[in-house]
């Protein structure tokens, strides 16, 4: 918890900088993320001495949830995917500081989803090849308390494992800074529209940096208070973090539902970035929208269920 508070303060200092300075820092996020992921995958596949077979990676299944149903446990595993494949709105919160935002914003979202999806799939498959035969004891219940760190340790030893773990931490650091930046800009936007208490204070833009410093530190303090829950109950803070993914997804489909509803009106004007315009004559927008709504409603029901049984007062 203390470490998380220290990191939040560092994020706050970074997000207080001017837009130009922020750009110079955040600019490195994408290439470092991509290169680190590819580098880790290559290193793991080359250095892991005893790798599993393709049939093991793609067909082996262990039901560790206690539900007694492999299909249901498989669906519960989507929590990891939902956690990573989310936060699409971050681009929107920064759109006011972007040229041609109505086009570049959506392009950034689509590209991010595609790259993250491909890299994430490759990384997970790589982890599958690098498991041990008795991976439940050796990896999942590793003495390190961190299965991925154990996979790194098995492949690269102490020095190589540390190097790979450093790259992971670096990517997480950039992700955290980007997320806090997006949240701060969203808080500023709400304050500017007088949708928060003390809006005039939190919508103030610092004359020196040209950024909403007050909003940045409101987010830092709020997140710090949220993290303090971890001192009292690990289960509670984990539950709050697990709520993040389905709640964000539900907020996205709320917008999609509104789009479907208002697109029926004669005076509805779509933005410059539109799949039906890009992919003529396929007309796929409505199909994609309905698919997205159906999937999010279905998977949200799954993700709101307990991840393990039996369910007790403690968990």
C-alpha atoms as a PDB file:
ATOM      1  CA  UNK A   1       0.000   0.000   0.000  1.00  0.00           C
ATOM      2  CA  UNK A   2       2.834   2.400   0.868  1.00  0.00           C
ATOM      3  CA  UNK A   3       4.500   1.583  -2.447  1.00  0.00           C
ATOM      4  CA  UNK A   4       1.272   2.314  -4.325  1.00  0.00           C
ATOM      5  CA  UNK A   5       0.963   5.680  -2.564  1.00  0.00           C
ATOM      6  CA  UNK A   6       4.555   6.576  -3.466  1.00  0.00           C
ATOM      7  CA  UNK A   7       3.958   5.634  -7.111  1.00  0.00           C
ATOM      8  CA  UNK A   8       0.750   7.709  -7.180  1.00  0.00           C
ATOM      9  CA  UNK A   9       2.690  10.765  -6.001  1.00  0.00           C
ATOM     10  CA  UNK A  10       5.252  10.222  -8.785  1.00  0.00           C
ATOM     11  CA  UNK A  11       2.405   9.933 -11.311  1.00  0.00           C
ATOM     12  CA  UNK A  12       0.951  13.174  -9.930  1.00  0.00           C
ATOM     13  CA  UNK A  13       4.265  14.993 -10.400  1.00  0.00           C
ATOM     14  CA  UNK A  14       4.551  13.719 -13.990  1.00  0.00           C
ATOM     15  CA  UNK A  15       0.952  14.695 -14.852  1.00  0.00           C
ATOM     16  CA  UNK A  16       1.524  18.178 -13.411  1.00  0.00           C
ATOM     17  CA  UNK A  17       4.074  18.899 -16.150  1.00  0.00           C
ATOM     18  CA  UNK A  18       3.250  20.916 -19.259  1.00  0.00           C
ATOM     19  CA  UNK A  19       1.550  19.259 -22.226  1.00  0.00           C
ATOM     20  CA  UNK A  20       4.790  19.438 -24.236  1.00  0.00           C
ATOM     21  CA  UNK A  21       6.785  17.716 -21.490  1.00  0.00           C
ATOM     22  CA  UNK A  22       4.051  15.105 -21.041  1.00  0.00           C
ATOM     23  CA  UNK A  23       4.157  14.370 -24.750  1.00  0.00           C
ATOM     24  CA  UNK A  24       7.929  13.843 -24.610  1.00  0.00           C
ATOM     25  CA  UNK A  25       7.500  11.301 -21.781  1.00  0.00           C
ATOM     26  CA  UNK A  26       4.351   9.462 -22.935  1.00  0.00           C
ATOM     27  CA  UNK A  27       5.721   9.281 -26.498  1.00  0.00           C
ATOM     28  CA  UNK A  28       7.980   6.419 -25.355  1.00  0.00           C
ATOM     29  CA  UNK A  29       5.129   4.335 -23.969  1.00  0.00           C
ATOM     30  CA  UNK A  30       3.979   2.605 -27.180  1.00  0.00           C
ATOM     31  CA  UNK A  31       7.420   1.618 -28.573  1.00  0.00           C
ATOM     32  CA  UNK A  32       8.653   0.444 -25.141  1.00  0.00           C
ATOM     33  CA  UNK A  33       5.454  -1.580 -24.637  1.00  0.00           C
ATOM     34  CA  UNK A  34       5.692  -3.259 -28.048  1.00  0.00           C
ATOM     35  CA  UNK A  35       9.464  -3.901 -27.971  1.00  0.00           C
ATOM     36  CA  UNK A  36       9.402  -5.136 -24.355  1.00  0.00           C
ATOM     37  CA  UNK A  37       6.570  -7.588 -25.111  1.00  0.00           C
ATOM     38  CA  UNK A  38       8.268  -8.968 -28.231  1.00  0.00           C
ATOM     39  CA  UNK A  39      11.649  -9.135 -26.451  1.00  0.00           C
ATOM     40  CA  UNK A  40      10.189 -11.006 -23.457  1.00  0.00           C
ATOM     41  CA  UNK A  41       8.411 -13.506 -25.728  1.00  0.00           C
ATOM     42  CA  UNK A  42      11.613 -14.249 -27.667  1.00  0.00           C
ATOM     43  CA  UNK A  43      13.701 -14.519 -24.492  1.00  0.00           C
ATOM     44  CA  UNK A  44      11.222 -16.889 -22.822  1.00  0.00           C
ATOM     45  CA  UNK A  45      10.932 -19.196 -25.836  1.00  0.00           C
ATOM     46  CA  UNK A  46      14.715 -19.313 -26.328  1.00  0.00           C
ATOM     47  CA  UNK A  47      15.775 -19.626 -22.683  1.00  0.00           C
ATOM     48  CA  UNK A  48      13.091 -21.871 -21.164  1.00  0.00           C
ATOM     49  CA  UNK A  49      14.783 -25.302 -21.021  1.00  0.00           C
ATOM     50  CA  UNK A  50      11.687 -27.532 -20.938  1.00  0.00           C
ATOM     51  CA  UNK A  51       8.738 -26.261 -22.962  1.00  0.00           C
ATOM     52  CA  UNK A  52       5.250 -27.714 -23.236  1.00  0.00           C
ATOM     53  CA  UNK A  53       3.672 -29.000 -26.451  1.00  0.00           C
ATOM     54  CA  UNK A  54       1.229 -27.071 -28.636  1.00  0.00           C
ATOM     55  CA  UNK A  55      -1.575 -29.492 -27.701  1.00  0.00           C
ATOM     56  CA  UNK A  56      -0.937 -28.716 -24.012  1.00  0.00           C
ATOM     57  CA  UNK A  57      -0.964 -24.963 -24.615  1.00  0.00           C
ATOM     58  CA  UNK A  58      -4.181 -24.885 -26.643  1.00  0.00           C
ATOM     59  CA  UNK A  59      -6.230 -27.791 -25.220  1.00  0.00           C
ATOM     60  CA  UNK A  60      -5.163 -28.461 -21.609  1.00  0.00           C
ATOM     61  CA  UNK A  61      -7.584 -27.112 -19.025  1.00  0.00           C
ATOM     62  CA  UNK A  62      -7.577 -26.981 -15.236  1.00  0.00           C
ATOM     63  CA  UNK A  63     -10.683 -25.944 -13.314  1.00  0.00           C
ATOM     64  CA  UNK A  64      -9.260 -24.166 -10.279  1.00  0.00           C
ATOM     65  CA  UNK A  65     -12.255 -22.001  -9.398  1.00  0.00           C
ATOM     66  CA  UNK A  66     -14.171 -24.556  -7.354  1.00  0.00           C
ATOM     67  CA  UNK A  67     -17.320 -24.129  -9.461  1.00  0.00           C
ATOM     68  CA  UNK A  68     -16.923 -27.641 -10.881  1.00  0.00           C
ATOM     69  CA  UNK A  69     -17.714 -26.471 -14.402  1.00  0.00           C
ATOM     70  CA  UNK A  70     -14.919 -26.042 -16.947  1.00  0.00           C
ATOM     71  CA  UNK A  71     -17.007 -23.864 -19.268  1.00  0.00           C
ATOM     72  CA  UNK A  72     -17.924 -21.467 -16.474  1.00  0.00           C
ATOM     73  CA  UNK A  73     -14.338 -21.343 -15.215  1.00  0.00           C
ATOM     74  CA  UNK A  74     -13.207 -20.567 -18.770  1.00  0.00           C
ATOM     75  CA  UNK A  75     -15.607 -17.599 -18.870  1.00  0.00           C
ATOM     76  CA  UNK A  76     -14.366 -16.384 -15.474  1.00  0.00           C
ATOM     77  CA  UNK A  77     -10.904 -16.278 -17.036  1.00  0.00           C
ATOM     78  CA  UNK A  78     -12.103 -13.375 -19.192  1.00  0.00           C
ATOM     79  CA  UNK A  79     -11.579 -11.112 -16.181  1.00  0.00           C
ATOM     80  CA  UNK A  80      -7.869 -10.971 -17.114  1.00  0.00           C
ATOM     81  CA  UNK A  81      -8.738 -10.107 -20.711  1.00  0.00           C
ATOM     82  CA  UNK A  82     -11.346  -7.521 -19.695  1.00  0.00           C
ATOM     83  CA  UNK A  83      -8.820  -5.840 -17.384  1.00  0.00           C
ATOM     84  CA  UNK A  84      -6.326  -5.327 -20.222  1.00  0.00           C
ATOM     85  CA  UNK A  85      -8.689  -4.733 -23.142  1.00  0.00           C
ATOM     86  CA  UNK A  86     -10.352  -1.674 -21.637  1.00  0.00           C
ATOM     87  CA  UNK A  87      -9.791   2.035 -20.902  1.00  0.00           C
ATOM     88  CA  UNK A  88     -10.556   2.930 -24.538  1.00  0.00           C
ATOM     89  CA  UNK A  89     -11.989   6.233 -23.294  1.00  0.00           C
ATOM     90  CA  UNK A  90      -8.522   7.455 -22.235  1.00  0.00           C
ATOM     91  CA  UNK A  91      -7.950   8.738 -25.780  1.00  0.00           C
ATOM     92  CA  UNK A  92     -11.193  10.704 -25.620  1.00  0.00           C
ATOM     93  CA  UNK A  93     -10.161  12.515 -22.428  1.00  0.00           C
ATOM     94  CA  UNK A  94      -7.018  13.794 -24.165  1.00  0.00           C
ATOM     95  CA  UNK A  95      -8.733  14.664 -27.457  1.00  0.00           C
ATOM     96  CA  UNK A  96      -8.896  18.405 -26.706  1.00  0.00           C
ATOM     97  CA  UNK A  97      -5.088  18.485 -26.862  1.00  0.00           C
ATOM     98  CA  UNK A  98      -4.982  16.626 -30.211  1.00  0.00           C
ATOM     99  CA  UNK A  99      -5.140  17.943 -33.776  1.00  0.00           C
ATOM    100  CA  UNK A 100      -8.013  16.467 -35.874  1.00  0.00           C
ATOM    101  CA  UNK A 101      -9.253  14.700 -32.724  1.00  0.00           C
ATOM    102  CA  UNK A 102     -12.518  13.519 -34.328  1.00  0.00           C
ATOM    103  CA  UNK A 103     -10.477  11.343 -36.711  1.00  0.00           C
ATOM    104  CA  UNK A 104      -7.220  10.674 -34.855  1.00  0.00           C
ATOM    105  CA  UNK A 105      -8.984   9.740 -31.607  1.00  0.00           C
ATOM    106  CA  UNK A 106     -10.990   6.849 -33.086  1.00  0.00           C
ATOM    107  CA  UNK A 107      -7.971   5.728 -35.153  1.00  0.00           C
ATOM    108  CA  UNK A 108      -5.894   5.615 -31.965  1.00  0.00           C
ATOM    109  CA  UNK A 109      -8.554   3.486 -30.224  1.00  0.00           C
ATOM    110  CA  UNK A 110      -8.838   1.004 -33.113  1.00  0.00           C
ATOM    111  CA  UNK A 111      -5.054   0.700 -33.490  1.00  0.00           C
ATOM    112  CA  UNK A 112      -4.554   0.275 -29.736  1.00  0.00           C
ATOM    113  CA  UNK A 113      -7.146  -2.519 -29.580  1.00  0.00           C
ATOM    114  CA  UNK A 114      -5.605  -4.331 -32.547  1.00  0.00           C
ATOM    115  CA  UNK A 115      -1.981  -4.070 -31.340  1.00  0.00           C
ATOM    116  CA  UNK A 116      -2.852  -4.897 -27.718  1.00  0.00           C
ATOM    117  CA  UNK A 117      -4.980  -7.856 -28.785  1.00  0.00           C
ATOM    118  CA  UNK A 118      -2.280  -9.356 -31.013  1.00  0.00           C
ATOM    119  CA  UNK A 119       0.559  -8.790 -28.518  1.00  0.00           C
ATOM    120  CA  UNK A 120      -1.548 -10.029 -25.605  1.00  0.00           C
ATOM    121  CA  UNK A 121      -2.441 -13.230 -27.453  1.00  0.00           C
ATOM    122  CA  UNK A 122       1.203 -13.899 -28.352  1.00  0.00           C
ATOM    123  CA  UNK A 123       2.332 -13.215 -24.757  1.00  0.00           C
ATOM    124  CA  UNK A 124      -0.268 -15.555 -23.237  1.00  0.00           C
ATOM    125  CA  UNK A 125       0.582 -18.333 -25.699  1.00  0.00           C
ATOM    126  CA  UNK A 126       4.263 -17.869 -24.849  1.00  0.00           C
ATOM    127  CA  UNK A 127       3.499 -18.209 -21.125  1.00  0.00           C
ATOM    128  CA  UNK A 128       1.634 -21.426 -21.931  1.00  0.00           C
ATOM    129  CA  UNK A 129       4.689 -22.921 -23.637  1.00  0.00           C
ATOM    130  CA  UNK A 130       6.885 -21.938 -20.676  1.00  0.00           C
ATOM    131  CA  UNK A 131       4.816 -23.635 -17.962  1.00  0.00           C
ATOM    132  CA  UNK A 132       6.172 -26.645 -16.106  1.00  0.00           C
ATOM    133  CA  UNK A 133       4.409 -30.026 -16.042  1.00  0.00           C
ATOM    134  CA  UNK A 134       3.336 -29.455 -12.437  1.00  0.00           C
ATOM    135  CA  UNK A 135       2.547 -25.773 -13.044  1.00  0.00           C
ATOM    136  CA  UNK A 136      -0.151 -25.468 -10.360  1.00  0.00           C
ATOM    137  CA  UNK A 137       2.475 -26.013  -7.651  1.00  0.00           C
ATOM    138  CA  UNK A 138       5.547 -24.675  -9.469  1.00  0.00           C
ATOM    139  CA  UNK A 139       4.044 -21.577 -11.117  1.00  0.00           C
ATOM    140  CA  UNK A 140       0.577 -20.734  -9.797  1.00  0.00           C
ATOM    141  CA  UNK A 141       1.528 -21.377  -6.165  1.00  0.00           C
ATOM    142  CA  UNK A 142       5.114 -20.204  -6.621  1.00  0.00           C
ATOM    143  CA  UNK A 143       7.060 -19.080  -3.532  1.00  0.00           C
ATOM    144  CA  UNK A 144       7.496 -15.702  -5.257  1.00  0.00           C
ATOM    145  CA  UNK A 145       3.720 -15.152  -4.988  1.00  0.00           C
ATOM    146  CA  UNK A 146       3.828 -13.926  -8.585  1.00  0.00           C
ATOM    147  CA  UNK A 147       3.440 -16.637 -11.279  1.00  0.00           C
ATOM    148  CA  UNK A 148       4.815 -14.504 -14.127  1.00  0.00           C
ATOM    149  CA  UNK A 149       7.956 -13.717 -12.111  1.00  0.00           C
ATOM    150  CA  UNK A 150       8.476 -17.448 -11.602  1.00  0.00           C
ATOM    151  CA  UNK A 151       8.239 -18.042 -15.364  1.00  0.00           C
ATOM    152  CA  UNK A 152      10.878 -15.318 -15.873  1.00  0.00           C
ATOM    153  CA  UNK A 153      13.043 -16.860 -13.149  1.00  0.00           C
ATOM    154  CA  UNK A 154      12.822 -20.331 -14.693  1.00  0.00           C
ATOM    155  CA  UNK A 155      13.848 -18.999 -18.092  1.00  0.00           C
ATOM    156  CA  UNK A 156      16.515 -16.430 -17.319  1.00  0.00           C
ATOM    157  CA  UNK A 157      17.685 -17.173 -13.804  1.00  0.00           C
ATOM    158  CA  UNK A 158      18.043 -14.383 -11.284  1.00  0.00           C
ATOM    159  CA  UNK A 159      19.645 -11.794 -13.608  1.00  0.00           C
ATOM    160  CA  UNK A 160      17.590 -12.578 -16.725  1.00  0.00           C
ATOM    161  CA  UNK A 161      14.354 -12.862 -14.745  1.00  0.00           C
ATOM    162  CA  UNK A 162      15.045  -9.531 -13.061  1.00  0.00           C
ATOM    163  CA  UNK A 163      15.660  -7.865 -16.438  1.00  0.00           C
ATOM    164  CA  UNK A 164      12.357  -9.151 -17.848  1.00  0.00           C
ATOM    165  CA  UNK A 165      10.485  -8.169 -14.690  1.00  0.00           C
ATOM    166  CA  UNK A 166      12.009  -4.680 -14.916  1.00  0.00           C
ATOM    167  CA  UNK A 167      10.572  -4.294 -18.438  1.00  0.00           C
ATOM    168  CA  UNK A 168       7.140  -5.357 -17.158  1.00  0.00           C
ATOM    169  CA  UNK A 169       7.332  -2.833 -14.314  1.00  0.00           C
ATOM    170  CA  UNK A 170       8.420  -0.117 -16.757  1.00  0.00           C
ATOM    171  CA  UNK A 171       5.433  -0.812 -19.018  1.00  0.00           C
ATOM    172  CA  UNK A 172       3.110  -0.794 -15.983  1.00  0.00           C
ATOM    173  CA  UNK A 173       4.624   2.512 -14.866  1.00  0.00           C
ATOM    174  CA  UNK A 174       3.871   4.136 -18.222  1.00  0.00           C
ATOM    175  CA  UNK A 175       0.365   2.647 -18.183  1.00  0.00           C
ATOM    176  CA  UNK A 176      -0.307   4.032 -14.706  1.00  0.00           C
ATOM    177  CA  UNK A 177       0.936   7.496 -15.639  1.00  0.00           C
ATOM    178  CA  UNK A 178      -1.211   7.490 -18.800  1.00  0.00           C
ATOM    179  CA  UNK A 179      -4.292   6.341 -16.873  1.00  0.00           C
ATOM    180  CA  UNK A 180      -3.911   9.001 -14.187  1.00  0.00           C
ATOM    181  CA  UNK A 181      -3.385  11.623 -16.898  1.00  0.00           C
ATOM    182  CA  UNK A 182      -6.621  10.589 -18.633  1.00  0.00           C
ATOM    183  CA  UNK A 183      -8.526  10.575 -15.326  1.00  0.00           C
ATOM    184  CA  UNK A 184      -7.231  14.034 -14.456  1.00  0.00           C
ATOM    185  CA  UNK A 185      -8.346  15.398 -17.830  1.00  0.00           C
ATOM    186  CA  UNK A 186     -11.790  13.810 -17.359  1.00  0.00           C
ATOM    187  CA  UNK A 187     -12.054  15.401 -13.899  1.00  0.00           C
ATOM    188  CA  UNK A 188     -11.109  18.756 -15.421  1.00  0.00           C
ATOM    189  CA  UNK A 189     -13.780  18.372 -18.122  1.00  0.00           C
ATOM    190  CA  UNK A 190     -16.481  17.583 -15.535  1.00  0.00           C
ATOM    191  CA  UNK A 191     -15.371  20.558 -13.425  1.00  0.00           C
ATOM    192  CA  UNK A 192     -15.334  22.886 -16.420  1.00  0.00           C
ATOM    193  CA  UNK A 193     -18.959  21.905 -17.071  1.00  0.00           C
ATOM    194  CA  UNK A 194     -19.761  22.534 -13.359  1.00  0.00           C
ATOM    195  CA  UNK A 195     -20.608  18.862 -12.772  1.00  0.00           C
ATOM    196  CA  UNK A 196     -18.457  18.466  -9.628  1.00  0.00           C
ATOM    197  CA  UNK A 197     -18.405  20.201  -6.227  1.00  0.00           C
ATOM    198  CA  UNK A 198     -15.917  23.103  -6.126  1.00  0.00           C
ATOM    199  CA  UNK A 199     -15.869  23.064  -9.932  1.00  0.00           C
ATOM    200  CA  UNK A 200     -14.237  26.483 -10.248  1.00  0.00           C
ATOM    201  CA  UNK A 201     -11.249  25.265  -8.204  1.00  0.00           C
ATOM    202  CA  UNK A 202     -10.764  21.949  -9.998  1.00  0.00           C
ATOM    203  CA  UNK A 203     -11.267  23.446 -13.471  1.00  0.00           C
ATOM    204  CA  UNK A 204      -8.485  25.973 -12.876  1.00  0.00           C
ATOM    205  CA  UNK A 205      -5.653  25.696 -15.398  1.00  0.00           C
ATOM    206  CA  UNK A 206      -2.194  26.483 -14.052  1.00  0.00           C
ATOM    207  CA  UNK A 207      -0.690  29.501 -15.822  1.00  0.00           C
ATOM    208  CA  UNK A 208       2.854  28.108 -15.734  1.00  0.00           C
ATOM    209  CA  UNK A 209       2.227  24.544 -16.996  1.00  0.00           C
ATOM    210  CA  UNK A 210      -1.005  25.128 -18.912  1.00  0.00           C
ATOM    211  CA  UNK A 211      -2.452  21.986 -17.307  1.00  0.00           C
ATOM    212  CA  UNK A 212      -5.252  21.403 -14.715  1.00  0.00           C
ATOM    213  CA  UNK A 213      -2.928  20.802 -11.743  1.00  0.00           C
ATOM    214  CA  UNK A 214      -5.752  20.910  -9.165  1.00  0.00           C
ATOM    215  CA  UNK A 215      -7.620  18.118 -10.977  1.00  0.00           C
ATOM    216  CA  UNK A 216      -4.456  16.019 -11.118  1.00  0.00           C
ATOM    217  CA  UNK A 217      -3.967  16.095  -7.361  1.00  0.00           C
ATOM    218  CA  UNK A 218      -7.672  15.510  -6.679  1.00  0.00           C
ATOM    219  CA  UNK A 219      -7.336  12.231  -8.597  1.00  0.00           C
ATOM    220  CA  UNK A 220      -4.086  11.367  -6.754  1.00  0.00           C
ATOM    221  CA  UNK A 221      -5.710  11.952  -3.334  1.00  0.00           C
ATOM    222  CA  UNK A 222      -8.865  10.030  -4.283  1.00  0.00           C
ATOM    223  CA  UNK A 223      -6.854   7.042  -5.574  1.00  0.00           C
ATOM    224  CA  UNK A 224      -4.654   7.157  -2.470  1.00  0.00           C
ATOM    225  CA  UNK A 225      -7.726   6.961  -0.215  1.00  0.00           C
ATOM    226  CA  UNK A 226      -9.033   4.056  -2.292  1.00  0.00           C
ATOM    227  CA  UNK A 227      -5.723   2.208  -1.899  1.00  0.00           C
ATOM    228  CA  UNK A 228      -5.854   2.619   1.882  1.00  0.00           C
ATOM    229  CA  UNK A 229      -8.746   0.117   1.883  1.00  0.00           C
ATOM    230  CA  UNK A 230      -6.044  -2.481   1.166  1.00  0.00           C
ATOM    231  CA  UNK A 231      -4.720  -1.987   4.710  1.00  0.00           C
ATOM    232  CA  UNK A 232      -7.990  -3.278   6.149  1.00  0.00           C
ATOM    233  CA  UNK A 233      -9.018  -5.947   3.634  1.00  0.00           C
ATOM    234  CA  UNK A 234      -7.241  -7.416   0.634  1.00  0.00           C
ATOM    235  CA  UNK A 235     -10.501  -9.064  -0.499  1.00  0.00           C
ATOM    236  CA  UNK A 236     -12.344  -5.739  -0.506  1.00  0.00           C
ATOM    237  CA  UNK A 237      -9.744  -3.831  -2.506  1.00  0.00           C
ATOM    238  CA  UNK A 238      -9.470  -6.755  -4.946  1.00  0.00           C
ATOM    239  CA  UNK A 239     -13.261  -6.704  -5.399  1.00  0.00           C
ATOM    240  CA  UNK A 240     -13.158  -2.965  -6.113  1.00  0.00           C
ATOM    241  CA  UNK A 241     -10.382  -3.435  -8.675  1.00  0.00           C
ATOM    242  CA  UNK A 242     -12.281  -6.342 -10.281  1.00  0.00           C
ATOM    243  CA  UNK A 243     -15.357  -4.108 -10.649  1.00  0.00           C
ATOM    244  CA  UNK A 244     -13.325  -1.753 -12.824  1.00  0.00           C
ATOM    245  CA  UNK A 245     -13.393  -3.807 -16.037  1.00  0.00           C
ATOM    246  CA  UNK A 246     -17.121  -4.687 -16.302  1.00  0.00           C
ATOM    247  CA  UNK A 247     -18.185  -1.229 -15.111  1.00  0.00           C
ATOM    248  CA  UNK A 248     -16.069   0.481 -17.767  1.00  0.00           C
ATOM    249  CA  UNK A 249     -17.406  -1.860 -20.451  1.00  0.00           C
ATOM    250  CA  UNK A 250     -21.003  -1.147 -19.384  1.00  0.00           C
ATOM    251  CA  UNK A 251     -20.321   2.584 -19.637  1.00  0.00           C
ATOM    252  CA  UNK A 252     -19.083   2.074 -23.208  1.00  0.00           C
ATOM    253  CA  UNK A 253     -22.178   0.158 -24.348  1.00  0.00           C
ATOM    254  CA  UNK A 254     -24.361   2.871 -22.808  1.00  0.00           C
ATOM    255  CA  UNK A 255     -22.913   5.222 -25.425  1.00  0.00           C
ATOM    256  CA  UNK A 256     -23.368   2.614 -28.165  1.00  0.00           C
ATOM    257  CA  UNK A 257     -27.028   2.174 -27.160  1.00  0.00           C
ATOM    258  CA  UNK A 258     -27.495   5.948 -27.380  1.00  0.00           C
ATOM    259  CA  UNK A 259     -25.855   5.929 -30.815  1.00  0.00           C
ATOM    260  CA  UNK A 260     -28.224   3.220 -32.080  1.00  0.00           C
ATOM    261  CA  UNK A 261     -31.246   5.045 -30.683  1.00  0.00           C
ATOM    262  CA  UNK A 262     -30.433   8.530 -31.996  1.00  0.00           C
ATOM    263  CA  UNK A 263     -29.133   7.310 -35.376  1.00  0.00           C
ATOM    264  CA  UNK A 264     -32.791   6.665 -36.281  1.00  0.00           C
ATOM    265  CA  UNK A 265     -33.500  10.384 -36.185  1.00  0.00           C
ATOM    266  CA  UNK A 266     -33.422  12.298 -39.466  1.00  0.00           C
ATOM    267  CA  UNK A 267     -31.195  15.070 -38.105  1.00  0.00           C
ATOM    268  CA  UNK A 268     -28.550  12.649 -36.747  1.00  0.00           C
ATOM    269  CA  UNK A 269     -25.127  13.442 -38.251  1.00  0.00           C
ATOM    270  CA  UNK A 270     -22.362  10.810 -37.788  1.00  0.00           C
ATOM    271  CA  UNK A 271     -18.822  11.944 -37.090  1.00  0.00           C
ATOM    272  CA  UNK A 272     -16.046  11.955 -39.707  1.00  0.00           C
ATOM    273  CA  UNK A 273     -14.785   8.536 -38.532  1.00  0.00           C
ATOM    274  CA  UNK A 274     -17.421   5.970 -39.454  1.00  0.00           C
ATOM    275  CA  UNK A 275     -16.979   2.283 -40.310  1.00  0.00           C
ATOM    276  CA  UNK A 276     -19.796   2.343 -42.864  1.00  0.00           C
ATOM    277  CA  UNK A 277     -18.021   5.152 -44.713  1.00  0.00           C
ATOM    278  CA  UNK A 278     -14.661   3.366 -44.501  1.00  0.00           C
ATOM    279  CA  UNK A 279     -15.912  -0.096 -45.477  1.00  0.00           C
ATOM    280  CA  UNK A 280     -18.425   0.664 -48.230  1.00  0.00           C
ATOM    281  CA  UNK A 281     -20.628  -1.131 -49.192  1.00  0.00           C
ATOM    282  CA  UNK A 282     -20.494  -3.563 -46.211  1.00  0.00           C
ATOM    283  CA  UNK A 283     -22.506  -1.407 -43.742  1.00  0.00           C
ATOM    284  CA  UNK A 284     -21.188  -3.151 -40.646  1.00  0.00           C
ATOM    285  CA  UNK A 285     -21.656  -0.461 -37.963  1.00  0.00           C
ATOM    286  CA  UNK A 286     -25.064  -1.608 -36.738  1.00  0.00           C
ATOM    287  CA  UNK A 287     -23.963  -5.270 -36.612  1.00  0.00           C
ATOM    288  CA  UNK A 288     -20.817  -4.331 -34.664  1.00  0.00           C
ATOM    289  CA  UNK A 289     -22.843  -2.201 -32.246  1.00  0.00           C
ATOM    290  CA  UNK A 290     -25.388  -4.951 -31.507  1.00  0.00           C
ATOM    291  CA  UNK A 291     -22.596  -7.536 -31.132  1.00  0.00           C
ATOM    292  CA  UNK A 292     -20.749  -5.275 -28.671  1.00  0.00           C
ATOM    293  CA  UNK A 293     -23.864  -4.674 -26.539  1.00  0.00           C
ATOM    294  CA  UNK A 294     -24.750  -8.383 -26.455  1.00  0.00           C
ATOM    295  CA  UNK A 295     -21.215  -9.438 -25.511  1.00  0.00           C
ATOM    296  CA  UNK A 296     -20.743  -6.847 -22.762  1.00  0.00           C
ATOM    297  CA  UNK A 297     -24.094  -7.645 -21.118  1.00  0.00           C
ATOM    298  CA  UNK A 298     -23.284 -11.371 -21.211  1.00  0.00           C
ATOM    299  CA  UNK A 299     -19.695 -11.154 -19.941  1.00  0.00           C
ATOM    300  CA  UNK A 300     -20.605  -8.561 -17.287  1.00  0.00           C
ATOM    301  CA  UNK A 301     -23.034 -11.041 -15.723  1.00  0.00           C
ATOM    302  CA  UNK A 302     -20.176 -13.562 -15.631  1.00  0.00           C
ATOM    303  CA  UNK A 303     -17.636 -11.115 -14.203  1.00  0.00           C
ATOM    304  CA  UNK A 304     -19.949  -9.950 -11.413  1.00  0.00           C
ATOM    305  CA  UNK A 305     -20.123 -13.516 -10.098  1.00  0.00           C
ATOM    306  CA  UNK A 306     -17.696 -14.799  -7.419  1.00  0.00           C
ATOM    307  CA  UNK A 307     -14.439 -15.992  -8.964  1.00  0.00           C
ATOM    308  CA  UNK A 308     -14.101 -18.920  -6.558  1.00  0.00           C
ATOM    309  CA  UNK A 309     -16.214 -21.270  -4.468  1.00  0.00           C
ATOM    310  CA  UNK A 310     -17.175 -21.859  -1.757  1.00  0.00           C
ATOM    311  CA  UNK A 311     -18.242 -18.271  -1.141  1.00  0.00           C
ATOM    312  CA  UNK A 312     -17.596 -17.284   2.477  1.00  0.00           C
ATOM    313  CA  UNK A 313     -17.892 -14.174   4.600  1.00  0.00           C
ATOM    314  CA  UNK A 314     -14.137 -13.694   4.230  1.00  0.00           C
ATOM    315  CA  UNK A 315     -13.959 -13.824   0.410  1.00  0.00           C
END
